[in-house]
Protein backbone atom coordinates (compact mmCIF):
# COMPACT_ATOMS: atom_id res chain seq x y z
CA MET A 1 -38.16 18.74 23.22
CA GLU A 2 -34.95 17.87 21.48
CA THR A 3 -33.52 14.34 21.47
CA ILE A 4 -30.02 14.01 22.91
CA TYR A 5 -28.00 11.03 21.69
CA ALA A 6 -25.65 9.15 23.98
CA THR A 7 -24.17 5.72 24.48
CA THR A 8 -24.89 3.80 27.68
CA HIS A 9 -21.46 5.01 28.85
CA GLY A 10 -22.43 8.64 28.19
CA LYS A 11 -25.68 8.21 30.11
CA LYS A 12 -23.79 6.67 33.02
CA MET A 13 -21.33 9.61 33.00
CA LEU A 14 -24.27 12.02 33.34
CA GLU A 15 -25.84 10.01 36.13
CA VAL A 16 -22.55 9.83 38.06
CA ARG A 17 -22.02 13.58 37.62
CA LEU A 18 -25.54 14.23 38.92
CA GLU A 19 -24.85 12.11 42.02
CA GLU A 20 -21.60 14.01 42.65
CA LEU A 21 -23.34 17.37 42.37
CA VAL A 22 -26.25 16.41 44.61
CA SER A 23 -23.82 15.08 47.23
CA ARG A 24 -22.07 18.50 47.28
CA ARG A 25 -25.24 20.39 48.22
CA GLU A 26 -24.72 20.06 51.98
CA GLU A 27 -21.04 21.07 51.69
CA VAL A 28 -22.00 24.26 49.85
CA ALA A 29 -24.83 24.99 52.29
CA HIS A 30 -22.29 24.66 55.12
CA LYS A 31 -19.99 27.18 53.39
CA ILE A 32 -22.90 29.63 53.20
CA ARG A 33 -23.71 29.17 56.90
CA GLU A 34 -20.06 29.73 57.84
CA ALA A 35 -19.77 32.81 55.63
CA ARG A 36 -22.89 34.35 57.22
CA GLU A 37 -21.07 34.36 60.53
CA PHE A 38 -18.47 36.80 59.15
CA GLY A 39 -20.96 39.65 59.43
CA ASP A 40 -22.41 42.14 56.94
CA LEU A 41 -23.57 40.10 53.93
CA LYS A 42 -23.34 43.07 51.54
CA GLU A 43 -19.56 43.22 51.82
CA ASN A 44 -18.87 39.58 52.59
CA ALA A 45 -16.83 38.09 49.75
CA GLU A 46 -16.92 34.57 51.21
CA TYR A 47 -20.72 34.68 51.35
CA ALA A 48 -20.98 35.97 47.78
CA ALA A 49 -18.59 33.26 46.55
CA ALA A 50 -20.50 30.52 48.40
CA ARG A 51 -23.84 31.74 47.00
CA GLU A 52 -22.38 31.80 43.48
CA GLU A 53 -21.05 28.27 43.95
CA GLN A 54 -24.51 27.17 45.11
CA SER A 55 -26.14 28.83 42.10
CA ASN A 56 -23.71 27.14 39.67
CA LEU A 57 -24.23 23.80 41.40
CA GLU A 58 -28.02 24.04 41.17
CA ASP A 59 -27.85 25.18 37.54
CA GLU A 60 -25.78 22.15 36.57
CA ILE A 61 -28.07 19.80 38.52
CA ALA A 62 -31.10 21.23 36.74
CA SER A 63 -29.37 20.97 33.36
CA ILE A 64 -28.56 17.28 33.84
CA LYS A 65 -32.07 16.53 35.13
CA GLU A 66 -33.48 18.16 31.98
CA LYS A 67 -31.20 16.11 29.70
CA LEU A 68 -31.66 12.64 31.18
CA PRO A 69 -35.27 12.12 30.00
CA LEU A 70 -34.32 13.33 26.51
CA LEU A 71 -31.58 10.74 26.00
CA LYS A 72 -31.81 8.25 23.19
CA ILE A 73 -29.21 5.50 23.45
CA PHE A 74 -27.14 4.41 20.47
CA SER A 75 -24.27 1.94 20.11
CA TYR A 76 -20.99 2.26 18.25
CA THR A 77 -21.04 -1.46 17.46
CA LYS A 78 -24.61 -1.59 16.15
CA CYS A 79 -24.60 1.52 13.95
CA ASP A 80 -25.63 1.58 10.29
CA THR A 81 -22.46 1.96 8.23
CA SER A 82 -24.14 2.35 4.83
CA ALA A 83 -23.78 6.13 5.38
CA VAL A 84 -22.31 8.40 8.03
CA ASN A 85 -24.51 8.02 11.13
CA LEU A 86 -24.27 8.26 14.88
CA GLY A 87 -21.66 5.77 16.00
CA THR A 88 -19.79 5.54 12.72
CA ARG A 89 -16.10 6.16 12.15
CA VAL A 90 -15.61 8.16 8.97
CA LYS A 91 -12.35 8.61 7.10
CA ILE A 92 -12.15 11.58 4.75
CA GLN A 93 -9.41 12.64 2.32
CA GLU A 94 -8.79 16.19 1.20
CA VAL A 95 -9.55 16.52 -2.51
CA GLY A 96 -6.30 16.95 -4.46
CA SER A 97 -4.16 15.83 -1.53
CA THR A 98 -3.15 12.71 0.38
CA ARG A 99 -4.15 14.33 3.69
CA THR A 100 -6.74 12.28 5.57
CA LEU A 101 -8.78 12.84 8.72
CA GLU A 102 -10.77 10.36 10.74
CA TRP A 103 -13.69 11.10 13.07
CA ILE A 104 -16.19 9.14 15.14
CA ILE A 105 -19.68 10.66 15.12
CA THR A 106 -21.15 10.80 18.61
CA GLY A 107 -23.70 12.74 20.64
CA VAL A 108 -23.00 16.06 22.37
CA ILE A 109 -22.46 14.43 25.76
CA GLU A 110 -19.45 12.45 24.54
CA ASN A 111 -18.07 15.09 22.18
CA ASP A 112 -14.26 15.15 22.45
CA PRO A 113 -12.54 16.51 19.31
CA GLU A 114 -9.06 15.90 20.77
CA LYS A 115 -9.88 12.17 20.83
CA LYS A 116 -11.54 12.40 17.37
CA TYR A 117 -15.12 12.17 18.69
CA ILE A 118 -17.29 14.88 17.13
CA SER A 119 -20.89 15.66 17.91
CA ASN A 120 -23.69 15.02 15.46
CA GLU A 121 -24.71 18.62 16.24
CA SER A 122 -21.33 20.19 15.38
CA PRO A 123 -20.98 21.90 11.99
CA LEU A 124 -18.67 19.13 10.76
CA GLY A 125 -20.88 16.39 12.19
CA LYS A 126 -23.97 17.86 10.53
CA GLU A 127 -22.13 18.15 7.21
CA LEU A 128 -21.02 14.50 7.32
CA LEU A 129 -24.29 12.89 8.48
CA GLY A 130 -26.06 10.93 5.78
CA LYS A 131 -23.14 11.04 3.33
CA LYS A 132 -21.86 7.86 1.70
CA VAL A 133 -18.46 6.61 0.57
CA GLY A 134 -17.37 8.53 -2.53
CA GLU A 135 -19.37 11.68 -1.72
CA THR A 136 -17.62 14.98 -1.01
CA VAL A 137 -18.23 17.49 1.75
CA GLU A 138 -17.09 21.07 2.10
CA ILE A 139 -15.55 21.90 5.46
CA HIS A 140 -15.25 25.51 6.59
CA LYS A 141 -12.09 26.31 8.52
CA PRO A 142 -10.58 29.60 9.71
CA ALA A 143 -8.19 29.47 6.75
CA GLY A 144 -11.05 28.94 4.28
CA LYS A 145 -13.01 26.07 2.78
CA SER A 146 -11.68 22.63 1.95
CA LYS A 147 -13.31 19.76 0.09
CA TYR A 148 -13.01 16.23 1.40
CA LYS A 149 -14.06 12.92 -0.11
CA ILE A 150 -15.46 10.22 2.14
CA VAL A 151 -13.20 7.20 1.68
CA ASN A 152 -14.39 4.83 4.40
CA ILE A 153 -17.24 4.38 6.88
CA SER A 154 -17.05 1.76 9.64
CA ALA A 155 -18.40 1.10 13.12
CA GLY A 156 -16.99 3.57 15.61
CA ALA A 157 -15.82 1.01 18.15
């Protein structure tokens, strides 16, 4: 079984989502009961839609229940900043340019590239993990490869 990294906030988000999904079970079951009353189930679009909604709901519940026991909690404030690790903020500068990028390395649950949080399992996250200030990494982009030098590592929060 694979370890999934999350902060206490990420774990709480999963738990809240699970509660929301479980609480919707009766609502979806009611939709199925109502749709059955429309007649022939083979050509009943409402019934098919309600069954699909139930299937998606149960799949997501099962997925979260599988993840929760695999969680390993980490903290942005207590991370090791001697190298790029979970919880660190890393600033990189494109080699031969003044262009810089900054990312916070997090687990897949809290991955949000728009807010500069990238997963330790993403290609970029994997490439950065373990690197130290002064080392270079090669980042593959649709336009080609670029080299970046790690200029700073700090706590993510």
